PDB file of N, CA and C in Angstrom:
ATOM      1  N   MET A   1     -86.799 -49.798  13.071  1.00  0.00           N
ATOM      2  CA  MET A   1     -86.138 -49.130  11.972  1.00  0.00           C
ATOM      3  C   MET A   1     -87.143 -48.176  11.343  1.00  0.00           C
ATOM      4  N   GLU A   2     -86.735 -46.922  11.168  1.00  0.00           N
ATOM      5  CA  GLU A   2     -87.636 -45.963  10.541  1.00  0.00           C
ATOM      6  C   GLU A   2     -86.847 -44.980   9.691  1.00  0.00           C
ATOM      7  N   ILE A   3     -87.500 -44.503   8.660  1.00  0.00           N
ATOM      8  CA  ILE A   3     -86.917 -43.436   7.860  1.00  0.00           C
ATOM      9  C   ILE A   3     -87.351 -42.140   8.507  1.00  0.00           C
ATOM     10  N   LYS A   4     -86.387 -41.403   9.075  1.00  0.00           N
ATOM     11  CA  LYS A   4     -86.702 -40.217   9.860  1.00  0.00           C
ATOM     12  C   LYS A   4     -86.855 -38.968   9.006  1.00  0.00           C
ATOM     13  N   ASN A   5     -86.071 -38.868   7.968  1.00  0.00           N
ATOM     14  CA  ASN A   5     -86.051 -37.617   7.239  1.00  0.00           C
ATOM     15  C   ASN A   5     -85.649 -37.870   5.792  1.00  0.00           C
ATOM     16  N   THR A   6     -86.342 -37.231   4.890  1.00  0.00           N
ATOM     17  CA  THR A   6     -85.980 -37.259   3.482  1.00  0.00           C
ATOM     18  C   THR A   6     -85.847 -35.814   3.038  1.00  0.00           C
ATOM     19  N   GLU A   7     -84.715 -35.482   2.490  1.00  0.00           N
ATOM     20  CA  GLU A   7     -84.455 -34.098   2.104  1.00  0.00           C
ATOM     21  C   GLU A   7     -84.054 -34.058   0.633  1.00  0.00           C
ATOM     22  N   LYS A   8     -84.705 -33.193  -0.131  1.00  0.00           N
ATOM     23  CA  LYS A   8     -84.345 -32.996  -1.534  1.00  0.00           C
ATOM     24  C   LYS A   8     -83.900 -31.548  -1.691  1.00  0.00           C
ATOM     25  N   THR A   9     -82.737 -31.350  -2.280  1.00  0.00           N
ATOM     26  CA  THR A   9     -82.227 -30.001  -2.503  1.00  0.00           C
ATOM     27  C   THR A   9     -81.983 -29.814  -3.991  1.00  0.00           C
ATOM     28  N   ARG A  10     -82.606 -28.805  -4.554  1.00  0.00           N
ATOM     29  CA  ARG A  10     -82.425 -28.490  -5.968  1.00  0.00           C
ATOM     30  C   ARG A  10     -81.606 -27.209  -6.076  1.00  0.00           C
ATOM     31  N   THR A  11     -80.602 -27.221  -6.936  1.00  0.00           N
ATOM     32  CA  THR A  11     -79.781 -26.037  -7.154  1.00  0.00           C
ATOM     33  C   THR A  11     -79.658 -25.812  -8.654  1.00  0.00           C
ATOM     34  N   ILE A  12     -79.853 -24.587  -9.069  1.00  0.00           N
ATOM     35  CA  ILE A  12     -79.649 -24.218 -10.469  1.00  0.00           C
ATOM     36  C   ILE A  12     -78.559 -23.152 -10.493  1.00  0.00           C
ATOM     37  N   LYS A  13     -77.481 -23.430 -11.231  1.00  0.00           N
ATOM     38  CA  LYS A  13     -76.399 -22.460 -11.376  1.00  0.00           C
ATOM     39  C   LYS A  13     -76.324 -22.042 -12.837  1.00  0.00           C
ATOM     40  N   ILE A  14     -76.256 -20.748 -13.064  1.00  0.00           N
ATOM     41  CA  ILE A  14     -76.145 -20.236 -14.427  1.00  0.00           C
ATOM     42  C   ILE A  14     -74.715 -19.738 -14.627  1.00  0.00           C
ATOM     43  N   ASP A  15     -74.039 -20.338 -15.582  1.00  0.00           N
ATOM     44  CA  ASP A  15     -72.659 -19.980 -15.904  1.00  0.00           C
ATOM     45  C   ASP A  15     -72.687 -19.143 -17.179  1.00  0.00           C
ATOM     46  N   THR A  16     -72.723 -17.822 -17.030  1.00  0.00           N
ATOM     47  CA  THR A  16     -72.846 -16.950 -18.205  1.00  0.00           C
ATOM     48  C   THR A  16     -71.578 -16.946 -19.055  1.00  0.00           C
ATOM     49  N   ASP A  17     -70.429 -17.233 -18.467  1.00  0.00           N
ATOM     50  CA  ASP A  17     -69.186 -17.264 -19.247  1.00  0.00           C
ATOM     51  C   ASP A  17     -69.193 -18.393 -20.269  1.00  0.00           C
ATOM     52  N   ASN A  18     -69.738 -19.524 -19.887  1.00  0.00           N
ATOM     53  CA  ASN A  18     -69.756 -20.685 -20.779  1.00  0.00           C
ATOM     54  C   ASN A  18     -71.117 -20.938 -21.401  1.00  0.00           C
ATOM     55  N   GLY A  19     -72.101 -20.090 -21.096  1.00  0.00           N
ATOM     56  CA  GLY A  19     -73.436 -20.271 -21.660  1.00  0.00           C
ATOM     57  C   GLY A  19     -74.044 -21.602 -21.268  1.00  0.00           C
ATOM     58  N   ALA A  20     -73.997 -21.911 -19.976  1.00  0.00           N
ATOM     59  CA  ALA A  20     -74.514 -23.202 -19.520  1.00  0.00           C
ATOM     60  C   ALA A  20     -75.325 -23.033 -18.245  1.00  0.00           C
ATOM     61  N   ILE A  21     -76.281 -23.909 -18.087  1.00  0.00           N
ATOM     62  CA  ILE A  21     -77.080 -23.986 -16.868  1.00  0.00           C
ATOM     63  C   ILE A  21     -76.783 -25.344 -16.251  1.00  0.00           C
ATOM     64  N   LEU A  22     -76.399 -25.347 -14.992  1.00  0.00           N
ATOM     65  CA  LEU A  22     -76.087 -26.592 -14.295  1.00  0.00           C
ATOM     66  C   LEU A  22     -77.182 -26.868 -13.278  1.00  0.00           C
ATOM     67  N   LEU A  23     -77.826 -28.010 -13.406  1.00  0.00           N
ATOM     68  CA  LEU A  23     -78.862 -28.437 -12.472  1.00  0.00           C
ATOM     69  C   LEU A  23     -78.248 -29.475 -11.541  1.00  0.00           C
ATOM     70  N   ILE A  24     -78.361 -29.245 -10.253  1.00  0.00           N
ATOM     71  CA  ILE A  24     -77.823 -30.181  -9.262  1.00  0.00           C
ATOM     72  C   ILE A  24     -78.959 -30.574  -8.329  1.00  0.00           C
ATOM     73  N   TYR A  25     -79.083 -31.847  -8.084  1.00  0.00           N
ATOM     74  CA  TYR A  25     -80.170 -32.372  -7.265  1.00  0.00           C
ATOM     75  C   TYR A  25     -79.550 -33.311  -6.243  1.00  0.00           C
ATOM     76  N   VAL A  26     -79.709 -33.012  -4.969  1.00  0.00           N
ATOM     77  CA  VAL A  26     -79.139 -33.843  -3.904  1.00  0.00           C
ATOM     78  C   VAL A  26     -80.278 -34.423  -3.072  1.00  0.00           C
ATOM     79  N   ILE A  27     -80.250 -35.719  -2.850  1.00  0.00           N
ATOM     80  CA  ILE A  27     -81.248 -36.394  -2.020  1.00  0.00           C
ATOM     81  C   ILE A  27     -80.523 -36.954  -0.810  1.00  0.00           C
ATOM     82  N   LYS A  28     -81.059 -36.702   0.369  1.00  0.00           N
ATOM     83  CA  LYS A  28     -80.516 -37.285   1.596  1.00  0.00           C
ATOM     84  C   LYS A  28     -81.648 -38.005   2.310  1.00  0.00           C
ATOM     85  N   VAL A  29     -81.377 -39.226   2.709  1.00  0.00           N
ATOM     86  CA  VAL A  29     -82.346 -40.021   3.451  1.00  0.00           C
ATOM     87  C   VAL A  29     -81.694 -40.394   4.776  1.00  0.00           C
ATOM     88  N   LYS A  30     -82.337 -40.032   5.870  1.00  0.00           N
ATOM     89  CA  LYS A  30     -81.811 -40.356   7.200  1.00  0.00           C
ATOM     90  C   LYS A  30     -82.638 -41.506   7.763  1.00  0.00           C
ATOM     91  N   ILE A  31     -81.955 -42.573   8.148  1.00  0.00           N
ATOM     92  CA  ILE A  31     -82.605 -43.774   8.657  1.00  0.00           C
ATOM     93  C   ILE A  31     -82.175 -43.974  10.103  1.00  0.00           C
ATOM     94  N   SER A  32     -83.133 -44.289  10.953  1.00  0.00           N
ATOM     95  CA  SER A  32     -82.834 -44.528  12.361  1.00  0.00           C
ATOM     96  C   SER A  32     -83.064 -46.002  12.667  1.00  0.00           C
ATOM     97  N   ILE A  33     -82.038 -46.651  13.209  1.00  0.00           N
ATOM     98  CA  ILE A  33     -82.140 -48.041  13.641  1.00  0.00           C
ATOM     99  C   ILE A  33     -81.740 -48.044  15.107  1.00  0.00           C
ATOM    100  N   GLN A  34     -82.722 -48.275  15.955  1.00  0.00           N
ATOM    101  CA  GLN A  34     -82.551 -48.147  17.403  1.00  0.00           C
ATOM    102  C   GLN A  34     -81.971 -46.766  17.700  1.00  0.00           C
ATOM    103  N   ASN A  35     -80.826 -46.668  18.339  1.00  0.00           N
ATOM    104  CA  ASN A  35     -80.262 -45.362  18.681  1.00  0.00           C
ATOM    105  C   ASN A  35     -79.232 -44.873  17.669  1.00  0.00           C
ATOM    106  N   LYS A  36     -79.083 -45.577  16.575  1.00  0.00           N
ATOM    107  CA  LYS A  36     -78.093 -45.207  15.568  1.00  0.00           C
ATOM    108  C   LYS A  36     -78.803 -44.603  14.365  1.00  0.00           C
ATOM    109  N   GLU A  37     -78.153 -43.620  13.756  1.00  0.00           N
ATOM    110  CA  GLU A  37     -78.699 -43.013  12.552  1.00  0.00           C
ATOM    111  C   GLU A  37     -77.728 -43.204  11.398  1.00  0.00           C
ATOM    112  N   LEU A  38     -78.290 -43.429  10.236  1.00  0.00           N
ATOM    113  CA  LEU A  38     -77.520 -43.621   9.019  1.00  0.00           C
ATOM    114  C   LEU A  38     -78.053 -42.637   7.994  1.00  0.00           C
ATOM    115  N   GLU A  39     -77.163 -41.900   7.349  1.00  0.00           N
ATOM    116  CA  GLU A  39     -77.602 -40.958   6.333  1.00  0.00           C
ATOM    117  C   GLU A  39     -77.044 -41.396   4.992  1.00  0.00           C
ATOM    118  N   LEU A  40     -77.921 -41.560   4.034  1.00  0.00           N
ATOM    119  CA  LEU A  40     -77.535 -41.924   2.676  1.00  0.00           C
ATOM    120  C   LEU A  40     -77.797 -40.721   1.792  1.00  0.00           C
ATOM    121  N   SER A  41     -76.939 -40.510   0.807  1.00  0.00           N
ATOM    122  CA  SER A  41     -77.197 -39.397  -0.100  1.00  0.00           C
ATOM    123  C   SER A  41     -76.825 -39.779  -1.519  1.00  0.00           C
ATOM    124  N   GLU A  42     -77.454 -39.128  -2.444  1.00  0.00           N
ATOM    125  CA  GLU A  42     -77.209 -39.344  -3.866  1.00  0.00           C
ATOM    126  C   GLU A  42     -77.293 -37.984  -4.540  1.00  0.00           C
ATOM    127  N   THR A  43     -76.430 -37.738  -5.512  1.00  0.00           N
ATOM    128  CA  THR A  43     -76.440 -36.470  -6.239  1.00  0.00           C
ATOM    129  C   THR A  43     -76.588 -36.755  -7.725  1.00  0.00           C
ATOM    130  N   PHE A  44     -77.522 -36.056  -8.347  1.00  0.00           N
ATOM    131  CA  PHE A  44     -77.699 -36.116  -9.793  1.00  0.00           C
ATOM    132  C   PHE A  44     -77.407 -34.719 -10.328  1.00  0.00           C
ATOM    133  N   SER A  45     -76.776 -34.625 -11.480  1.00  0.00           N
ATOM    134  CA  SER A  45     -76.575 -33.302 -12.064  1.00  0.00           C
ATOM    135  C   SER A  45     -76.689 -33.389 -13.576  1.00  0.00           C
ATOM    136  N   GLN A  46     -77.036 -32.277 -14.164  1.00  0.00           N
ATOM    137  CA  GLN A  46     -77.188 -32.205 -15.614  1.00  0.00           C
ATOM    138  C   GLN A  46     -76.797 -30.801 -16.047  1.00  0.00           C
ATOM    139  N   GLN A  47     -76.025 -30.693 -17.110  1.00  0.00           N
ATOM    140  CA  GLN A  47     -75.642 -29.384 -17.626  1.00  0.00           C
ATOM    141  C   GLN A  47     -76.352 -29.157 -18.950  1.00  0.00           C
ATOM    142  N   LEU A  48     -76.962 -27.988 -19.090  1.00  0.00           N
ATOM    143  CA  LEU A  48     -77.648 -27.618 -20.321  1.00  0.00           C
ATOM    144  C   LEU A  48     -76.959 -26.390 -20.912  1.00  0.00           C
ATOM    145  N   ILE A  49     -76.611 -26.455 -22.180  1.00  0.00           N
ATOM    146  CA  ILE A  49     -76.014 -25.309 -22.869  1.00  0.00           C
ATOM    147  C   ILE A  49     -77.166 -24.436 -23.367  1.00  0.00           C
ATOM    148  N   PHE A  50     -77.013 -23.112 -23.286  1.00  0.00           N
ATOM    149  CA  PHE A  50     -78.108 -22.247 -23.717  1.00  0.00           C
ATOM    150  C   PHE A  50     -77.607 -21.084 -24.555  1.00  0.00           C
ATOM    151  N   ASP A  51     -78.551 -20.491 -25.278  1.00  0.00           N
ATOM    152  CA  ASP A  51     -78.314 -19.325 -26.115  1.00  0.00           C
ATOM    153  C   ASP A  51     -79.120 -18.179 -25.513  1.00  0.00           C
ATOM    154  N   TYR A  52     -78.697 -16.951 -25.733  1.00  0.00           N
ATOM    155  CA  TYR A  52     -79.355 -15.825 -25.079  1.00  0.00           C
ATOM    156  C   TYR A  52     -80.558 -15.262 -25.840  1.00  0.00           C
ATOM    157  N   THR A  53     -80.875 -15.754 -27.021  1.00  0.00           N
ATOM    158  CA  THR A  53     -82.032 -15.212 -27.744  1.00  0.00           C
ATOM    159  C   THR A  53     -83.309 -15.564 -27.000  1.00  0.00           C
ATOM    160  N   SER A  54     -84.338 -14.740 -27.143  1.00  0.00           N
ATOM    161  CA  SER A  54     -85.565 -14.938 -26.358  1.00  0.00           C
ATOM    162  C   SER A  54     -86.263 -16.250 -26.702  1.00  0.00           C
ATOM    163  N   GLU A  55     -86.305 -16.612 -27.976  1.00  0.00           N
ATOM    164  CA  GLU A  55     -86.932 -17.888 -28.355  1.00  0.00           C
ATOM    165  C   GLU A  55     -86.174 -19.051 -27.735  1.00  0.00           C
ATOM    166  N   GLU A  56     -84.868 -18.945 -27.810  1.00  0.00           N
ATOM    167  CA  GLU A  56     -84.032 -20.012 -27.254  1.00  0.00           C
ATOM    168  C   GLU A  56     -84.176 -20.072 -25.734  1.00  0.00           C
ATOM    169  N   ALA A  57     -84.310 -18.919 -25.102  1.00  0.00           N
ATOM    170  CA  ALA A  57     -84.482 -18.881 -23.643  1.00  0.00           C
ATOM    171  C   ALA A  57     -85.753 -19.609 -23.227  1.00  0.00           C
ATOM    172  N   ILE A  58     -86.832 -19.418 -23.971  1.00  0.00           N
ATOM    173  CA  ILE A  58     -88.098 -20.107 -23.662  1.00  0.00           C
ATOM    174  C   ILE A  58     -87.911 -21.617 -23.804  1.00  0.00           C
ATOM    175  N   LYS A  59     -87.226 -22.038 -24.855  1.00  0.00           N
ATOM    176  CA  LYS A  59     -86.961 -23.471 -25.036  1.00  0.00           C
ATOM    177  C   LYS A  59     -86.116 -24.009 -23.879  1.00  0.00           C
ATOM    178  N   GLN A  60     -85.127 -23.224 -23.460  1.00  0.00           N
ATOM    179  CA  GLN A  60     -84.265 -23.668 -22.369  1.00  0.00           C
ATOM    180  C   GLN A  60     -85.038 -23.784 -21.057  1.00  0.00           C
ATOM    181  N   LEU A  61     -85.960 -22.850 -20.816  1.00  0.00           N
ATOM    182  CA  LEU A  61     -86.789 -22.947 -19.608  1.00  0.00           C
ATOM    183  C   LEU A  61     -87.603 -24.233 -19.625  1.00  0.00           C
ATOM    184  N   ALA A  62     -88.126 -24.582 -20.799  1.00  0.00           N
ATOM    185  CA  ALA A  62     -88.868 -25.840 -20.921  1.00  0.00           C
ATOM    186  C   ALA A  62     -87.940 -27.026 -20.659  1.00  0.00           C
ATOM    187  N   SER A  63     -86.706 -26.942 -21.155  1.00  0.00           N
ATOM    188  CA  SER A  63     -85.733 -28.017 -20.918  1.00  0.00           C
ATOM    189  C   SER A  63     -85.401 -28.139 -19.439  1.00  0.00           C
ATOM    190  N   ILE A  64     -85.249 -26.987 -18.778  1.00  0.00           N
ATOM    191  CA  ILE A  64     -84.956 -26.996 -17.342  1.00  0.00           C
ATOM    192  C   ILE A  64     -86.107 -27.620 -16.576  1.00  0.00           C
ATOM    193  N   GLU A  65     -87.327 -27.219 -16.913  1.00  0.00           N
ATOM    194  CA  GLU A  65     -88.500 -27.772 -16.226  1.00  0.00           C
ATOM    195  C   GLU A  65     -88.565 -29.282 -16.415  1.00  0.00           C
ATOM    196  N   HIS A  66     -88.327 -29.740 -17.639  1.00  0.00           N
ATOM    197  CA  HIS A  66     -88.361 -31.179 -17.916  1.00  0.00           C
ATOM    198  C   HIS A  66     -87.248 -31.902 -17.152  1.00  0.00           C
ATOM    199  N   MET A  67     -86.049 -31.325 -17.151  1.00  0.00           N
ATOM    200  CA  MET A  67     -84.932 -31.975 -16.474  1.00  0.00           C
ATOM    201  C   MET A  67     -85.162 -32.025 -14.965  1.00  0.00           C
ATOM    202  N   MET A  68     -85.733 -30.964 -14.385  1.00  0.00           N
ATOM    203  CA  MET A  68     -86.026 -30.982 -12.949  1.00  0.00           C
ATOM    204  C   MET A  68     -87.061 -32.063 -12.642  1.00  0.00           C
ATOM    205  N   TYR A  69     -88.028 -32.245 -13.535  1.00  0.00           N
ATOM    206  CA  TYR A  69     -89.006 -33.322 -13.364  1.00  0.00           C
ATOM    207  C   TYR A  69     -88.287 -34.676 -13.370  1.00  0.00           C
ATOM    208  N   GLU A  70     -87.363 -34.860 -14.314  1.00  0.00           N
ATOM    209  CA  GLU A  70     -86.624 -36.124 -14.404  1.00  0.00           C
ATOM    210  C   GLU A  70     -85.761 -36.355 -13.159  1.00  0.00           C
ATOM    211  N   LEU A  71     -85.113 -35.294 -12.683  1.00  0.00           N
ATOM    212  CA  LEU A  71     -84.293 -35.432 -11.481  1.00  0.00           C
ATOM    213  C   LEU A  71     -85.160 -35.735 -10.262  1.00  0.00           C
ATOM    214  N   ASP A  72     -86.342 -35.135 -10.206  1.00  0.00           N
ATOM    215  CA  ASP A  72     -87.276 -35.413  -9.112  1.00  0.00           C
ATOM    216  C   ASP A  72     -87.709 -36.878  -9.144  1.00  0.00           C
ATOM    217  N   ARG A  73     -87.960 -37.384 -10.343  1.00  0.00           N
ATOM    218  CA  ARG A  73     -88.343 -38.789 -10.508  1.00  0.00           C
ATOM    219  C   ARG A  73     -87.197 -39.705 -10.057  1.00  0.00           C
ATOM    220  N   LYS A  74     -85.959 -39.364 -10.431  1.00  0.00           N
ATOM    221  CA  LYS A  74     -84.802 -40.160 -10.008  1.00  0.00           C
ATOM    222  C   LYS A  74     -84.644 -40.126  -8.488  1.00  0.00           C
ATOM    223  N   ALA A  75     -84.905 -38.972  -7.901  1.00  0.00           N
ATOM    224  CA  ALA A  75     -84.816 -38.847  -6.440  1.00  0.00           C
ATOM    225  C   ALA A  75     -85.824 -39.765  -5.769  1.00  0.00           C
ATOM    226  N   ASP A  76     -87.055 -39.776  -6.272  1.00  0.00           N
ATOM    227  CA  ASP A  76     -88.081 -40.652  -5.705  1.00  0.00           C
ATOM    228  C   ASP A  76     -87.704 -42.121  -5.875  1.00  0.00           C
ATOM    229  N   GLU A  77     -87.114 -42.465  -7.026  1.00  0.00           N
ATOM    230  CA  GLU A  77     -86.659 -43.843  -7.245  1.00  0.00           C
ATOM    231  C   GLU A  77     -85.587 -44.223  -6.222  1.00  0.00           C
ATOM    232  N   PHE A  78     -84.659 -43.314  -5.964  1.00  0.00           N
ATOM    233  CA  PHE A  78     -83.599 -43.560  -4.979  1.00  0.00           C
ATOM    234  C   PHE A  78     -84.193 -43.789  -3.597  1.00  0.00           C
ATOM    235  N   ILE A  79     -85.124 -42.931  -3.196  1.00  0.00           N
ATOM    236  CA  ILE A  79     -85.755 -43.050  -1.880  1.00  0.00           C
ATOM    237  C   ILE A  79     -86.513 -44.370  -1.770  1.00  0.00           C
ATOM    238  N   ASN A  80     -87.246 -44.737  -2.810  1.00  0.00           N
ATOM    239  CA  ASN A  80     -87.981 -46.003  -2.793  1.00  0.00           C
ATOM    240  C   ASN A  80     -87.032 -47.196  -2.744  1.00  0.00           C
ATOM    241  N   LYS A  81     -85.897 -47.105  -3.431  1.00  0.00           N
ATOM    242  CA  LYS A  81     -84.914 -48.190  -3.409  1.00  0.00           C
ATOM    243  C   LYS A  81     -84.337 -48.354  -2.001  1.00  0.00           C
ATOM    244  N   VAL A  82     -84.060 -47.232  -1.324  1.00  0.00           N
ATOM    245  CA  VAL A  82     -83.567 -47.294   0.056  1.00  0.00           C
ATOM    246  C   VAL A  82     -84.602 -47.976   0.941  1.00  0.00           C
ATOM    247  N   LYS A  83     -85.873 -47.612   0.776  1.00  0.00           N
ATOM    248  CA  LYS A  83     -86.940 -48.232   1.571  1.00  0.00           C
ATOM    249  C   LYS A  83     -87.007 -49.735   1.305  1.00  0.00           C
ATOM    250  N   GLU A  84     -86.907 -50.135   0.026  1.00  0.00           N
ATOM    251  CA  GLU A  84     -86.947 -51.558  -0.329  1.00  0.00           C
ATOM    252  C   GLU A  84     -85.777 -52.313   0.308  1.00  0.00           C
ATOM    253  N   ILE A  85     -84.595 -51.731   0.250  1.00  0.00           N
ATOM    254  CA  ILE A  85     -83.406 -52.385   0.805  1.00  0.00           C
ATOM    255  C   ILE A  85     -83.575 -52.614   2.300  1.00  0.00           C
ATOM    256  N   PHE A  86     -84.063 -51.599   3.005  1.00  0.00           N
ATOM    257  CA  PHE A  86     -84.191 -51.746   4.452  1.00  0.00           C
ATOM    258  C   PHE A  86     -85.363 -52.641   4.836  1.00  0.00           C
ATOM    259  N   LEU A  87     -86.395 -52.700   4.010  1.00  0.00           N
ATOM    260  CA  LEU A  87     -87.475 -53.648   4.253  1.00  0.00           C
ATOM    261  C   LEU A  87     -86.939 -55.071   4.084  1.00  0.00           C
ATOM    262  N   SER A  88     -86.135 -55.291   3.044  1.00  0.00           N
ATOM    263  CA  SER A  88     -85.513 -56.603   2.833  1.00  0.00           C
ATOM    264  C   SER A  88     -84.588 -56.956   3.991  1.00  0.00           C
ATOM    265  N   LEU A  89     -83.843 -55.972   4.476  1.00  0.00           N
ATOM    266  CA  LEU A  89     -82.949 -56.195   5.611  1.00  0.00           C
ATOM    267  C   LEU A  89     -83.736 -56.602   6.846  1.00  0.00           C
ATOM    268  N   GLU A  90     -84.856 -55.931   7.092  1.00  0.00           N
ATOM    269  CA  GLU A  90     -85.715 -56.304   8.226  1.00  0.00           C
ATOM    270  C   GLU A  90     -86.173 -57.748   8.103  1.00  0.00           C
ATOM    271  N   GLN A  91     -86.575 -58.152   6.890  1.00  0.00           N
ATOM    272  CA  GLN A  91     -87.056 -59.516   6.676  1.00  0.00           C
ATOM    273  C   GLN A  91     -85.950 -60.533   6.929  1.00  0.00           C
ATOM    274  N   VAL A  92     -84.737 -60.245   6.465  1.00  0.00           N
ATOM    275  CA  VAL A  92     -83.612 -61.156   6.682  1.00  0.00           C
ATOM    276  C   VAL A  92     -83.328 -61.283   8.174  1.00  0.00           C
ATOM    277  N   ILE A  93     -83.332 -60.154   8.878  1.00  0.00           N
ATOM    278  CA  ILE A  93     -83.078 -60.168  10.324  1.00  0.00           C
ATOM    279  C   ILE A  93     -84.141 -60.994  11.041  1.00  0.00           C
ATOM    280  N   GLU A  94     -85.407 -60.793  10.679  1.00  0.00           N
ATOM    281  CA  GLU A  94     -86.497 -61.530  11.324  1.00  0.00           C
ATOM    282  C   GLU A  94     -86.458 -63.010  10.964  1.00  0.00           C
ATOM    283  N   ASN A  95     -86.027 -63.336   9.742  1.00  0.00           N
ATOM    284  CA  ASN A  95     -85.908 -64.741   9.335  1.00  0.00           C
ATOM    285  C   ASN A  95     -84.845 -65.476  10.145  1.00  0.00           C
ATOM    286  N   HIS A  96     -83.896 -64.748  10.714  1.00  0.00           N
ATOM    287  CA  HIS A  96     -82.861 -65.352  11.546  1.00  0.00           C
ATOM    288  C   HIS A  96     -83.228 -65.323  13.024  1.00  0.00           C
ATOM    289  N   GLY A  97     -84.491 -65.044  13.304  1.00  0.00           N
ATOM    290  CA  GLY A  97     -84.979 -65.144  14.675  1.00  0.00           C
ATOM    291  C   GLY A  97     -84.857 -63.892  15.511  1.00  0.00           C
ATOM    292  N   TYR A  98     -84.445 -62.796  14.914  1.00  0.00           N
ATOM    293  CA  TYR A  98     -84.336 -61.542  15.662  1.00  0.00           C
ATOM    294  C   TYR A  98     -85.557 -60.683  15.386  1.00  0.00           C
ATOM    295  N   LYS A  99     -85.846 -59.799  16.301  1.00  0.00           N
ATOM    296  CA  LYS A  99     -86.988 -58.909  16.125  1.00  0.00           C
ATOM    297  C   LYS A  99     -86.479 -57.484  15.939  1.00  0.00           C
ATOM    298  N   VAL A 100     -86.965 -56.826  14.896  1.00  0.00           N
ATOM    299  CA  VAL A 100     -86.597 -55.434  14.637  1.00  0.00           C
ATOM    300  C   VAL A 100     -87.564 -54.557  15.409  1.00  0.00           C
ATOM    301  N   ILE A 101     -87.015 -53.708  16.258  1.00  0.00           N
ATOM    302  CA  ILE A 101     -87.854 -52.840  17.100  1.00  0.00           C
ATOM    303  C   ILE A 101     -87.980 -51.482  16.453  1.00  0.00           C
TER     304      ILE A 101
END
């Protein structure tokens, strides 16, 4: 059993009609077990309302940077949780007398 691929995709959409910034973060983890592959994914999103004044724009950029950091942290937590689950699964399989190749 191996984790073959971890993909993080960050998307920022600016909705000028509604004065909002939408942050979308998608994590995909591809796991290979013998000849079978399993892909798990999780999506986090956050919408930030913004004002067009320059001072407010600077504050919003700071908010975006902070939120992207938080989404990145959540993505890493998700990936680590997937690893923990499959490590536990390997242990259960081995405890029942099977060998994980």
